[in-house]
Amino acid sequence: MIEKRATQRHRVFKGGTVTFEGSGVACTVRNISDSGAAIDLENPGLLPHAFTLSISCDNFVRNCRAVWRNDRRVGLAFMQ
């Protein structure tokens, strides 16, 4: 498989929250880089195209957009 990412992602296993339309959904952050991340969600089909990802243990908050989805995992790009 050819790597297309601009920056290398680092494997993590952290609890996060996806926020959109005034509600929050728990997720698991599986990998992260300066430009994006991959998260696992119970029902990724309900996730809108743009949302906010928060990782409270790291004081991390980023606006994101979904770039790919499969089964329970969603690939994110952080918006500048």
N, C-alpha and C. Protein backbone atom coordinates (compact mmCIF):
# COMPACT_ATOMS: atom_id res chain seq x y z
N MET A 1 0.84 -1.18 0.00
CA MET A 1 0.00 0.00 0.00
C MET A 1 0.89 1.25 0.00
N ILE A 2 0.57 2.20 -0.82
CA ILE A 2 1.35 3.44 -0.93
C ILE A 2 0.85 4.44 0.11
N GLU A 3 1.78 4.97 0.90
CA GLU A 3 1.44 5.96 1.93
C GLU A 3 1.20 7.31 1.25
N LYS A 4 0.02 7.89 1.48
CA LYS A 4 -0.35 9.17 0.88
C LYS A 4 -0.36 10.32 1.87
N ARG A 5 -0.14 10.04 3.14
CA ARG A 5 -0.20 11.08 4.16
C ARG A 5 1.04 11.97 4.10
N ALA A 6 0.83 13.26 4.37
CA ALA A 6 1.94 14.22 4.38
C ALA A 6 2.80 14.06 5.63
N THR A 7 2.18 13.66 6.75
CA THR A 7 2.92 13.46 8.00
C THR A 7 2.59 12.09 8.57
N GLN A 8 3.56 11.48 9.24
CA GLN A 8 3.38 10.15 9.80
C GLN A 8 2.43 10.19 10.99
N ARG A 9 1.54 9.22 11.04
CA ARG A 9 0.63 9.10 12.18
C ARG A 9 1.23 8.18 13.23
N HIS A 10 0.88 8.47 14.49
CA HIS A 10 1.38 7.68 15.61
C HIS A 10 0.22 6.92 16.22
N ARG A 11 0.43 5.64 16.48
CA ARG A 11 -0.62 4.82 17.08
C ARG A 11 -0.88 5.27 18.51
N VAL A 12 -2.15 5.40 18.84
CA VAL A 12 -2.57 5.74 20.20
C VAL A 12 -3.84 4.94 20.51
N PHE A 13 -4.24 4.98 21.75
CA PHE A 13 -5.51 4.37 22.17
C PHE A 13 -6.06 5.28 23.25
N LYS A 14 -6.76 6.32 22.81
CA LYS A 14 -7.25 7.35 23.73
C LYS A 14 -8.75 7.56 23.52
N GLY A 15 -9.42 7.85 24.63
CA GLY A 15 -10.83 8.20 24.56
C GLY A 15 -10.98 9.62 24.06
N GLY A 16 -11.94 9.83 23.19
CA GLY A 16 -12.21 11.16 22.66
C GLY A 16 -13.70 11.40 22.56
N THR A 17 -14.04 12.61 22.14
CA THR A 17 -15.44 12.97 21.93
C THR A 17 -15.55 13.70 20.61
N VAL A 18 -16.52 13.29 19.82
CA VAL A 18 -16.85 13.96 18.58
C VAL A 18 -18.08 14.82 18.86
N THR A 19 -18.00 16.11 18.54
CA THR A 19 -19.10 17.02 18.82
C THR A 19 -19.63 17.62 17.52
N PHE A 20 -20.96 17.60 17.38
CA PHE A 20 -21.62 18.21 16.23
C PHE A 20 -23.07 18.46 16.58
N GLU A 21 -23.63 19.51 16.03
CA GLU A 21 -25.04 19.86 16.24
C GLU A 21 -25.42 19.85 17.72
N GLY A 22 -24.53 20.31 18.59
CA GLY A 22 -24.84 20.44 20.00
C GLY A 22 -24.80 19.16 20.81
N SER A 23 -24.37 18.04 20.20
CA SER A 23 -24.29 16.79 20.96
C SER A 23 -22.90 16.20 20.85
N GLY A 24 -22.56 15.32 21.80
CA GLY A 24 -21.26 14.67 21.80
C GLY A 24 -21.40 13.16 21.74
N VAL A 25 -20.49 12.53 21.01
CA VAL A 25 -20.47 11.08 20.86
C VAL A 25 -19.08 10.58 21.23
N ALA A 26 -19.01 9.58 22.08
CA ALA A 26 -17.72 9.01 22.48
C ALA A 26 -17.08 8.28 21.30
N CYS A 27 -15.74 8.36 21.23
CA CYS A 27 -14.99 7.67 20.20
C CYS A 27 -13.67 7.21 20.79
N THR A 28 -12.96 6.37 20.06
CA THR A 28 -11.61 5.95 20.42
C THR A 28 -10.67 6.43 19.33
N VAL A 29 -9.67 7.20 19.72
CA VAL A 29 -8.67 7.68 18.77
C VAL A 29 -7.63 6.59 18.61
N ARG A 30 -7.42 6.10 17.39
CA ARG A 30 -6.53 4.98 17.13
C ARG A 30 -5.17 5.41 16.61
N ASN A 31 -5.12 6.52 15.86
CA ASN A 31 -3.84 7.09 15.44
C ASN A 31 -4.03 8.57 15.19
N ILE A 32 -2.91 9.31 15.23
CA ILE A 32 -3.01 10.77 15.14
C ILE A 32 -1.71 11.33 14.57
N SER A 33 -1.81 12.44 13.85
CA SER A 33 -0.65 13.18 13.35
C SER A 33 -0.98 14.66 13.43
N ASP A 34 -0.10 15.49 12.91
CA ASP A 34 -0.35 16.93 12.89
C ASP A 34 -1.49 17.29 11.96
N SER A 35 -1.79 16.43 10.98
CA SER A 35 -2.79 16.79 9.98
C SER A 35 -4.08 15.99 10.05
N GLY A 36 -4.13 14.92 10.86
CA GLY A 36 -5.36 14.13 10.92
C GLY A 36 -5.29 13.01 11.92
N ALA A 37 -6.31 12.15 11.89
CA ALA A 37 -6.40 11.04 12.84
C ALA A 37 -7.34 9.98 12.28
N ALA A 38 -7.37 8.85 12.95
CA ALA A 38 -8.36 7.82 12.68
C ALA A 38 -9.05 7.51 13.99
N ILE A 39 -10.36 7.43 13.96
CA ILE A 39 -11.14 7.16 15.16
C ILE A 39 -12.08 5.99 14.92
N ASP A 40 -12.44 5.31 16.00
CA ASP A 40 -13.46 4.27 15.96
C ASP A 40 -14.71 4.81 16.63
N LEU A 41 -15.85 4.56 15.99
CA LEU A 41 -17.16 4.99 16.50
C LEU A 41 -18.12 3.81 16.47
N GLU A 42 -19.06 3.81 17.39
CA GLU A 42 -20.08 2.76 17.40
C GLU A 42 -20.93 2.81 16.13
N ASN A 43 -21.30 4.02 15.69
CA ASN A 43 -22.14 4.17 14.49
C ASN A 43 -21.62 5.33 13.63
N PRO A 44 -20.59 5.11 12.82
CA PRO A 44 -20.00 6.20 12.05
C PRO A 44 -20.91 6.76 10.96
N GLY A 45 -21.98 6.04 10.63
CA GLY A 45 -22.91 6.53 9.62
C GLY A 45 -23.64 7.80 10.04
N LEU A 46 -23.73 8.07 11.33
CA LEU A 46 -24.41 9.26 11.83
C LEU A 46 -23.51 10.49 11.86
N LEU A 47 -22.22 10.30 11.62
CA LEU A 47 -21.26 11.40 11.70
C LEU A 47 -21.39 12.31 10.47
N PRO A 48 -21.52 13.63 10.69
CA PRO A 48 -21.60 14.54 9.54
C PRO A 48 -20.22 14.72 8.91
N HIS A 49 -20.17 15.44 7.82
CA HIS A 49 -18.91 15.65 7.10
C HIS A 49 -17.92 16.47 7.95
N ALA A 50 -18.39 17.47 8.69
CA ALA A 50 -17.51 18.32 9.51
C ALA A 50 -17.98 18.28 10.96
N PHE A 51 -17.03 18.29 11.91
CA PHE A 51 -17.33 18.16 13.33
C PHE A 51 -16.09 18.55 14.12
N THR A 52 -16.15 18.43 15.45
CA THR A 52 -15.02 18.74 16.34
C THR A 52 -14.60 17.48 17.07
N LEU A 53 -13.29 17.23 17.12
CA LEU A 53 -12.73 16.13 17.89
C LEU A 53 -12.04 16.69 19.12
N SER A 54 -12.36 16.15 20.30
CA SER A 54 -11.74 16.55 21.56
C SER A 54 -11.13 15.33 22.23
N ILE A 55 -9.92 15.50 22.76
CA ILE A 55 -9.28 14.47 23.59
C ILE A 55 -8.96 15.17 24.90
N SER A 56 -9.80 14.97 25.91
CA SER A 56 -9.71 15.76 27.14
C SER A 56 -8.41 15.53 27.90
N CYS A 57 -7.86 14.33 27.91
CA CYS A 57 -6.65 14.06 28.66
C CYS A 57 -5.44 14.82 28.11
N ASP A 58 -5.53 15.27 26.85
CA ASP A 58 -4.44 16.02 26.21
C ASP A 58 -4.78 17.50 25.99
N ASN A 59 -5.96 17.95 26.47
CA ASN A 59 -6.43 19.31 26.16
C ASN A 59 -6.38 19.58 24.66
N PHE A 60 -6.84 18.63 23.89
CA PHE A 60 -6.76 18.66 22.43
C PHE A 60 -8.15 18.90 21.85
N VAL A 61 -8.29 19.91 21.02
CA VAL A 61 -9.56 20.19 20.34
C VAL A 61 -9.23 20.64 18.92
N ARG A 62 -9.82 19.96 17.91
CA ARG A 62 -9.60 20.33 16.52
C ARG A 62 -10.90 20.20 15.73
N ASN A 63 -11.12 21.13 14.82
CA ASN A 63 -12.19 21.00 13.84
C ASN A 63 -11.70 20.03 12.78
N CYS A 64 -12.59 19.14 12.35
CA CYS A 64 -12.21 18.06 11.44
C CYS A 64 -13.22 17.91 10.32
N ARG A 65 -12.79 17.15 9.32
CA ARG A 65 -13.70 16.68 8.28
C ARG A 65 -13.38 15.22 8.03
N ALA A 66 -14.40 14.44 7.74
CA ALA A 66 -14.22 13.02 7.45
C ALA A 66 -13.70 12.88 6.02
N VAL A 67 -12.65 12.07 5.84
CA VAL A 67 -12.11 11.85 4.50
C VAL A 67 -12.32 10.43 4.01
N TRP A 68 -12.53 9.48 4.90
CA TRP A 68 -12.89 8.12 4.52
C TRP A 68 -13.58 7.43 5.70
N ARG A 69 -14.33 6.39 5.39
CA ARG A 69 -15.05 5.62 6.40
C ARG A 69 -15.05 4.16 5.99
N ASN A 70 -14.91 3.26 6.97
CA ASN A 70 -15.15 1.84 6.72
C ASN A 70 -15.53 1.18 8.04
N ASP A 71 -16.54 0.41 8.01
CA ASP A 71 -17.07 -0.29 9.17
C ASP A 71 -17.21 0.65 10.35
N ARG A 72 -16.34 0.59 11.35
CA ARG A 72 -16.44 1.45 12.54
C ARG A 72 -15.38 2.55 12.55
N ARG A 73 -14.47 2.56 11.60
CA ARG A 73 -13.35 3.51 11.61
C ARG A 73 -13.59 4.65 10.62
N VAL A 74 -13.18 5.86 11.04
CA VAL A 74 -13.30 7.06 10.21
C VAL A 74 -11.95 7.75 10.17
N GLY A 75 -11.49 8.11 8.98
CA GLY A 75 -10.27 8.87 8.81
C GLY A 75 -10.61 10.36 8.79
N LEU A 76 -9.86 11.15 9.56
CA LEU A 76 -10.14 12.58 9.70
C LEU A 76 -8.99 13.41 9.16
N ALA A 77 -9.32 14.56 8.63
CA ALA A 77 -8.32 15.59 8.31
C ALA A 77 -8.65 16.78 9.19
N PHE A 78 -7.63 17.34 9.85
CA PHE A 78 -7.84 18.52 10.66
C PHE A 78 -7.94 19.73 9.75
N MET A 79 -8.90 20.58 10.04
CA MET A 79 -9.11 21.79 9.23
C MET A 79 -8.30 22.94 9.82
N GLN A 80 -7.71 23.71 8.96
CA GLN A 80 -6.89 24.85 9.40
C GLN A 80 -7.69 26.08 9.59
